[in-house]
């Protein structure tokens, strides 16, 4: 297998990737750190390439539920990137969740938290920028905002502390608790 596949998956163009890629790599390739090919393409620096490559390896059977050695889901890897195209990436995020990535998985290493926490803590982006991702999260009936995550606090408590920078997230989370879960936000 090509030795530079990790670099191409994370930094290369779609054409560069496809020149080295074989469909069997979607399920059988890992880098020297144990990351799957899906995890590597989800870390591609170019959002358009990231979406195209991730969809390709998913089409070829990549496991969306696989974790990195650090315990990150595919959703964590996608959402932790520094460049985003929310309208293009939101359908991919939904596909990852539908394919088995755990919407509530907590990564305590480096305090990565849940996938929603990993997204929300990127304060270099305004709250409105993340609206397409929020739409995906709050459409999921299995989202748990009350589960203890980092330091024994639930995401709802953490998000409330970020009200000044994540007011839309807090409003959506409170609405989700009332309408989907049936819990009044003050009871959390």
C-alpha atoms as a PDB file:
ATOM      1  CA  UNK A   1       0.000   0.000   0.000  1.00  0.00           C
ATOM      2  CA  UNK A   2       1.276   3.492  -0.748  1.00  0.00           C
ATOM      3  CA  UNK A   3       3.411   4.871   2.039  1.00  0.00           C
ATOM      4  CA  UNK A   4       2.261   8.438   1.445  1.00  0.00           C
ATOM      5  CA  UNK A   5      -1.463   7.618   1.567  1.00  0.00           C
ATOM      6  CA  UNK A   6      -1.794   9.244   5.004  1.00  0.00           C
ATOM      7  CA  UNK A   7      -0.377  12.518   3.704  1.00  0.00           C
ATOM      8  CA  UNK A   8      -2.535  12.417   0.567  1.00  0.00           C
ATOM      9  CA  UNK A   9      -5.653  11.595   2.614  1.00  0.00           C
ATOM     10  CA  UNK A  10      -5.040  14.490   5.012  1.00  0.00           C
ATOM     11  CA  UNK A  11      -3.556  17.112   2.682  1.00  0.00           C
ATOM     12  CA  UNK A  12      -3.966  16.077  -0.927  1.00  0.00           C
ATOM     13  CA  UNK A  13      -6.557  16.869  -3.548  1.00  0.00           C
ATOM     14  CA  UNK A  14      -9.301  14.504  -4.623  1.00  0.00           C
ATOM     15  CA  UNK A  15      -7.302  13.664  -7.761  1.00  0.00           C
ATOM     16  CA  UNK A  16      -4.124  12.988  -5.741  1.00  0.00           C
ATOM     17  CA  UNK A  17      -6.067  10.677  -3.451  1.00  0.00           C
ATOM     18  CA  UNK A  18      -7.839   8.787  -6.229  1.00  0.00           C
ATOM     19  CA  UNK A  19      -4.508   8.181  -7.998  1.00  0.00           C
ATOM     20  CA  UNK A  20      -3.381   6.064  -5.004  1.00  0.00           C
ATOM     21  CA  UNK A  21      -6.706   4.787  -3.716  1.00  0.00           C
ATOM     22  CA  UNK A  22      -8.120   1.306  -4.126  1.00  0.00           C
ATOM     23  CA  UNK A  23     -11.658   0.557  -2.834  1.00  0.00           C
ATOM     24  CA  UNK A  24     -10.375  -2.224  -0.558  1.00  0.00           C
ATOM     25  CA  UNK A  25      -8.449   0.425   1.390  1.00  0.00           C
ATOM     26  CA  UNK A  26     -11.734   1.818   2.755  1.00  0.00           C
ATOM     27  CA  UNK A  27     -12.013  -1.175   5.063  1.00  0.00           C
ATOM     28  CA  UNK A  28      -8.468  -2.490   5.336  1.00  0.00           C
ATOM     29  CA  UNK A  29      -6.048   0.429   5.524  1.00  0.00           C
ATOM     30  CA  UNK A  30      -4.745   2.087   8.693  1.00  0.00           C
ATOM     31  CA  UNK A  31      -1.870   4.485   9.218  1.00  0.00           C
ATOM     32  CA  UNK A  32       1.025   3.906  11.605  1.00  0.00           C
ATOM     33  CA  UNK A  33      -1.057   5.406  14.444  1.00  0.00           C
ATOM     34  CA  UNK A  34      -3.961   3.043  13.833  1.00  0.00           C
ATOM     35  CA  UNK A  35      -6.235   5.647  12.225  1.00  0.00           C
ATOM     36  CA  UNK A  36      -8.564   4.342   9.567  1.00  0.00           C
ATOM     37  CA  UNK A  37      -8.613   5.834   6.098  1.00  0.00           C
ATOM     38  CA  UNK A  38     -11.956   7.458   6.965  1.00  0.00           C
ATOM     39  CA  UNK A  39     -10.393   9.208   9.965  1.00  0.00           C
ATOM     40  CA  UNK A  40      -7.528  10.434   7.785  1.00  0.00           C
ATOM     41  CA  UNK A  41      -9.731  11.859   5.014  1.00  0.00           C
ATOM     42  CA  UNK A  42     -11.967  13.522   7.622  1.00  0.00           C
ATOM     43  CA  UNK A  43      -8.857  15.456   8.690  1.00  0.00           C
ATOM     44  CA  UNK A  44      -8.197  16.723   5.161  1.00  0.00           C
ATOM     45  CA  UNK A  45      -7.402  20.430   5.303  1.00  0.00           C
ATOM     46  CA  UNK A  46      -9.725  21.305   2.388  1.00  0.00           C
ATOM     47  CA  UNK A  47     -13.423  21.039   3.322  1.00  0.00           C
ATOM     48  CA  UNK A  48     -14.523  20.235  -0.253  1.00  0.00           C
ATOM     49  CA  UNK A  49     -11.936  17.448  -0.573  1.00  0.00           C
ATOM     50  CA  UNK A  50     -12.818  16.238   2.939  1.00  0.00           C
ATOM     51  CA  UNK A  51     -16.476  15.782   1.997  1.00  0.00           C
ATOM     52  CA  UNK A  52     -15.763  14.156  -1.374  1.00  0.00           C
ATOM     53  CA  UNK A  53     -13.162  11.748   0.000  1.00  0.00           C
ATOM     54  CA  UNK A  54     -15.167  10.793   3.076  1.00  0.00           C
ATOM     55  CA  UNK A  55     -18.233  10.066   0.988  1.00  0.00           C
ATOM     56  CA  UNK A  56     -16.116   7.960  -1.371  1.00  0.00           C
ATOM     57  CA  UNK A  57     -14.596   5.786   1.363  1.00  0.00           C
ATOM     58  CA  UNK A  58     -18.009   5.469   3.053  1.00  0.00           C
ATOM     59  CA  UNK A  59     -19.485   4.362  -0.285  1.00  0.00           C
ATOM     60  CA  UNK A  60     -16.727   1.731  -0.391  1.00  0.00           C
ATOM     61  CA  UNK A  61     -17.611   0.354   3.051  1.00  0.00           C
ATOM     62  CA  UNK A  62     -15.644   2.408   5.595  1.00  0.00           C
ATOM     63  CA  UNK A  63     -16.907   1.942   9.151  1.00  0.00           C
ATOM     64  CA  UNK A  64     -18.383   5.209  10.460  1.00  0.00           C
ATOM     65  CA  UNK A  65     -18.531   3.742  13.982  1.00  0.00           C
ATOM     66  CA  UNK A  66     -14.779   3.110  14.260  1.00  0.00           C
ATOM     67  CA  UNK A  67     -12.827   4.991  16.927  1.00  0.00           C
ATOM     68  CA  UNK A  68      -9.295   6.355  16.766  1.00  0.00           C
ATOM     69  CA  UNK A  69      -6.781   5.031  19.301  1.00  0.00           C
ATOM     70  CA  UNK A  70      -7.545   8.135  21.393  1.00  0.00           C
ATOM     71  CA  UNK A  71     -11.236   7.196  21.345  1.00  0.00           C
ATOM     72  CA  UNK A  72     -12.467   9.843  18.922  1.00  0.00           C
ATOM     73  CA  UNK A  73     -15.405   9.096  16.664  1.00  0.00           C
ATOM     74  CA  UNK A  74     -15.452  10.019  12.991  1.00  0.00           C
ATOM     75  CA  UNK A  75     -17.716  12.935  13.990  1.00  0.00           C
ATOM     76  CA  UNK A  76     -15.086  14.210  16.453  1.00  0.00           C
ATOM     77  CA  UNK A  77     -12.442  14.136  13.726  1.00  0.00           C
ATOM     78  CA  UNK A  78     -14.671  15.983  11.249  1.00  0.00           C
ATOM     79  CA  UNK A  79     -15.811  18.641  13.701  1.00  0.00           C
ATOM     80  CA  UNK A  80     -12.358  19.310  15.195  1.00  0.00           C
ATOM     81  CA  UNK A  81     -10.983  20.673  11.922  1.00  0.00           C
ATOM     82  CA  UNK A  82      -9.991  24.339  11.691  1.00  0.00           C
ATOM     83  CA  UNK A  83     -11.612  25.008   8.298  1.00  0.00           C
ATOM     84  CA  UNK A  84     -15.251  24.191   7.670  1.00  0.00           C
ATOM     85  CA  UNK A  85     -17.986  24.412   5.071  1.00  0.00           C
ATOM     86  CA  UNK A  86     -21.083  23.743   7.205  1.00  0.00           C
ATOM     87  CA  UNK A  87     -23.633  23.467   4.359  1.00  0.00           C
ATOM     88  CA  UNK A  88     -21.440  20.851   2.637  1.00  0.00           C
ATOM     89  CA  UNK A  89     -20.301  19.049   5.787  1.00  0.00           C
ATOM     90  CA  UNK A  90     -23.648  18.813   7.603  1.00  0.00           C
ATOM     91  CA  UNK A  91     -24.990  16.035   5.312  1.00  0.00           C
ATOM     92  CA  UNK A  92     -21.720  14.159   5.863  1.00  0.00           C
ATOM     93  CA  UNK A  93     -22.101  14.544   9.637  1.00  0.00           C
ATOM     94  CA  UNK A  94     -25.613  13.114   9.377  1.00  0.00           C
ATOM     95  CA  UNK A  95     -24.276  10.221   7.310  1.00  0.00           C
ATOM     96  CA  UNK A  96     -21.614   9.499   9.940  1.00  0.00           C
ATOM     97  CA  UNK A  97     -24.239   9.382  12.704  1.00  0.00           C
ATOM     98  CA  UNK A  98     -26.574   7.254  10.591  1.00  0.00           C
ATOM     99  CA  UNK A  99     -23.616   4.951   9.886  1.00  0.00           C
ATOM    100  CA  UNK A 100     -22.884   4.371  13.562  1.00  0.00           C
ATOM    101  CA  UNK A 101     -20.765   7.265  14.866  1.00  0.00           C
ATOM    102  CA  UNK A 102     -22.002   7.781  18.434  1.00  0.00           C
ATOM    103  CA  UNK A 103     -23.528  11.245  18.858  1.00  0.00           C
ATOM    104  CA  UNK A 104     -22.980  11.002  22.645  1.00  0.00           C
ATOM    105  CA  UNK A 105     -19.498   9.463  22.790  1.00  0.00           C
ATOM    106  CA  UNK A 106     -17.279  11.278  25.297  1.00  0.00           C
ATOM    107  CA  UNK A 107     -13.541  11.564  24.707  1.00  0.00           C
ATOM    108  CA  UNK A 108     -11.801  12.540  27.913  1.00  0.00           C
ATOM    109  CA  UNK A 109      -8.346  12.686  26.315  1.00  0.00           C
ATOM    110  CA  UNK A 110      -7.438  16.314  25.721  1.00  0.00           C
ATOM    111  CA  UNK A 111     -10.934  17.149  27.009  1.00  0.00           C
ATOM    112  CA  UNK A 112     -12.496  16.589  23.582  1.00  0.00           C
ATOM    113  CA  UNK A 113     -15.912  15.799  25.113  1.00  0.00           C
ATOM    114  CA  UNK A 114     -18.851  14.819  22.922  1.00  0.00           C
ATOM    115  CA  UNK A 115     -18.948  15.618  19.197  1.00  0.00           C
ATOM    116  CA  UNK A 116     -21.268  18.573  19.906  1.00  0.00           C
ATOM    117  CA  UNK A 117     -18.881  19.842  22.589  1.00  0.00           C
ATOM    118  CA  UNK A 118     -15.922  19.478  20.192  1.00  0.00           C
ATOM    119  CA  UNK A 119     -17.779  21.654  17.705  1.00  0.00           C
ATOM    120  CA  UNK A 120     -19.125  24.247  20.131  1.00  0.00           C
ATOM    121  CA  UNK A 121     -15.773  24.930  21.791  1.00  0.00           C
ATOM    122  CA  UNK A 122     -14.353  26.314  18.545  1.00  0.00           C
ATOM    123  CA  UNK A 123     -14.930  29.918  19.498  1.00  0.00           C
ATOM    124  CA  UNK A 124     -13.130  31.286  16.448  1.00  0.00           C
ATOM    125  CA  UNK A 125     -16.436  30.636  14.642  1.00  0.00           C
ATOM    126  CA  UNK A 126     -19.642  32.514  15.477  1.00  0.00           C
ATOM    127  CA  UNK A 127     -22.656  30.568  16.678  1.00  0.00           C
ATOM    128  CA  UNK A 128     -24.618  31.199  13.453  1.00  0.00           C
ATOM    129  CA  UNK A 129     -21.837  29.589  11.401  1.00  0.00           C
ATOM    130  CA  UNK A 130     -22.591  26.230  13.028  1.00  0.00           C
ATOM    131  CA  UNK A 131     -26.357  26.301  12.349  1.00  0.00           C
ATOM    132  CA  UNK A 132     -26.255  23.510   9.699  1.00  0.00           C
ATOM    133  CA  UNK A 133     -24.437  21.236  12.160  1.00  0.00           C
ATOM    134  CA  UNK A 134     -26.842  22.156  14.954  1.00  0.00           C
ATOM    135  CA  UNK A 135     -29.700  21.147  12.642  1.00  0.00           C
ATOM    136  CA  UNK A 136     -28.155  17.676  12.345  1.00  0.00           C
ATOM    137  CA  UNK A 137     -27.555  17.270  16.082  1.00  0.00           C
ATOM    138  CA  UNK A 138     -30.998  18.431  17.165  1.00  0.00           C
ATOM    139  CA  UNK A 139     -32.762  16.249  14.592  1.00  0.00           C
ATOM    140  CA  UNK A 140     -31.352  13.168  16.345  1.00  0.00           C
ATOM    141  CA  UNK A 141     -33.670  11.495  18.844  1.00  0.00           C
ATOM    142  CA  UNK A 142     -30.672   9.839  20.548  1.00  0.00           C
ATOM    143  CA  UNK A 143     -28.828  13.063  21.485  1.00  0.00           C
ATOM    144  CA  UNK A 144     -28.275  13.131  25.265  1.00  0.00           C
ATOM    145  CA  UNK A 145     -27.531  16.573  26.677  1.00  0.00           C
ATOM    146  CA  UNK A 146     -27.977  15.435  30.288  1.00  0.00           C
ATOM    147  CA  UNK A 147     -25.330  12.691  30.434  1.00  0.00           C
ATOM    148  CA  UNK A 148     -22.286  13.486  32.546  1.00  0.00           C
ATOM    149  CA  UNK A 149     -19.379  14.213  30.238  1.00  0.00           C
ATOM    150  CA  UNK A 150     -16.320  16.212  31.229  1.00  0.00           C
ATOM    151  CA  UNK A 151     -15.626  16.809  34.903  1.00  0.00           C
ATOM    152  CA  UNK A 152     -18.980  15.202  35.735  1.00  0.00           C
ATOM    153  CA  UNK A 153     -20.929  18.002  34.071  1.00  0.00           C
ATOM    154  CA  UNK A 154     -23.420  17.447  31.292  1.00  0.00           C
ATOM    155  CA  UNK A 155     -23.164  19.279  27.986  1.00  0.00           C
ATOM    156  CA  UNK A 156     -26.227  21.373  28.837  1.00  0.00           C
ATOM    157  CA  UNK A 157     -24.481  22.838  31.896  1.00  0.00           C
ATOM    158  CA  UNK A 158     -21.301  23.495  29.945  1.00  0.00           C
ATOM    159  CA  UNK A 159     -23.163  25.174  27.078  1.00  0.00           C
ATOM    160  CA  UNK A 160     -25.052  27.431  29.473  1.00  0.00           C
ATOM    161  CA  UNK A 161     -21.696  28.709  30.684  1.00  0.00           C
ATOM    162  CA  UNK A 162     -20.939  29.721  27.117  1.00  0.00           C
ATOM    163  CA  UNK A 163     -24.204  31.673  26.685  1.00  0.00           C
ATOM    164  CA  UNK A 164     -22.416  34.848  25.581  1.00  0.00           C
ATOM    165  CA  UNK A 165     -20.819  32.998  22.629  1.00  0.00           C
ATOM    166  CA  UNK A 166     -23.245  30.114  22.047  1.00  0.00           C
ATOM    167  CA  UNK A 167     -26.708  31.564  22.727  1.00  0.00           C
ATOM    168  CA  UNK A 168     -28.263  29.866  19.673  1.00  0.00           C
ATOM    169  CA  UNK A 169     -26.852  26.515  20.788  1.00  0.00           C
ATOM    170  CA  UNK A 170     -28.262  26.989  24.292  1.00  0.00           C
ATOM    171  CA  UNK A 171     -31.703  27.984  22.953  1.00  0.00           C
ATOM    172  CA  UNK A 172     -31.785  24.983  20.623  1.00  0.00           C
ATOM    173  CA  UNK A 173     -30.608  22.644  23.384  1.00  0.00           C
ATOM    174  CA  UNK A 174     -33.278  23.893  25.788  1.00  0.00           C
ATOM    175  CA  UNK A 175     -35.957  23.536  23.098  1.00  0.00           C
ATOM    176  CA  UNK A 176     -34.712  20.002  22.340  1.00  0.00           C
ATOM    177  CA  UNK A 177     -34.923  19.047  26.017  1.00  0.00           C
ATOM    178  CA  UNK A 178     -38.512  20.302  26.266  1.00  0.00           C
ATOM    179  CA  UNK A 179     -39.909  19.069  22.945  1.00  0.00           C
ATOM    180  CA  UNK A 180     -37.980  15.846  22.280  1.00  0.00           C
ATOM    181  CA  UNK A 181     -36.905  14.626  25.713  1.00  0.00           C
ATOM    182  CA  UNK A 182     -39.765  16.071  27.748  1.00  0.00           C
ATOM    183  CA  UNK A 183     -37.545  17.654  30.401  1.00  0.00           C
ATOM    184  CA  UNK A 184     -37.765  21.284  31.403  1.00  0.00           C
ATOM    185  CA  UNK A 185     -34.299  22.856  31.049  1.00  0.00           C
ATOM    186  CA  UNK A 186     -34.387  24.147  34.629  1.00  0.00           C
ATOM    187  CA  UNK A 187     -34.526  20.490  35.780  1.00  0.00           C
ATOM    188  CA  UNK A 188     -31.139  19.754  34.217  1.00  0.00           C
END
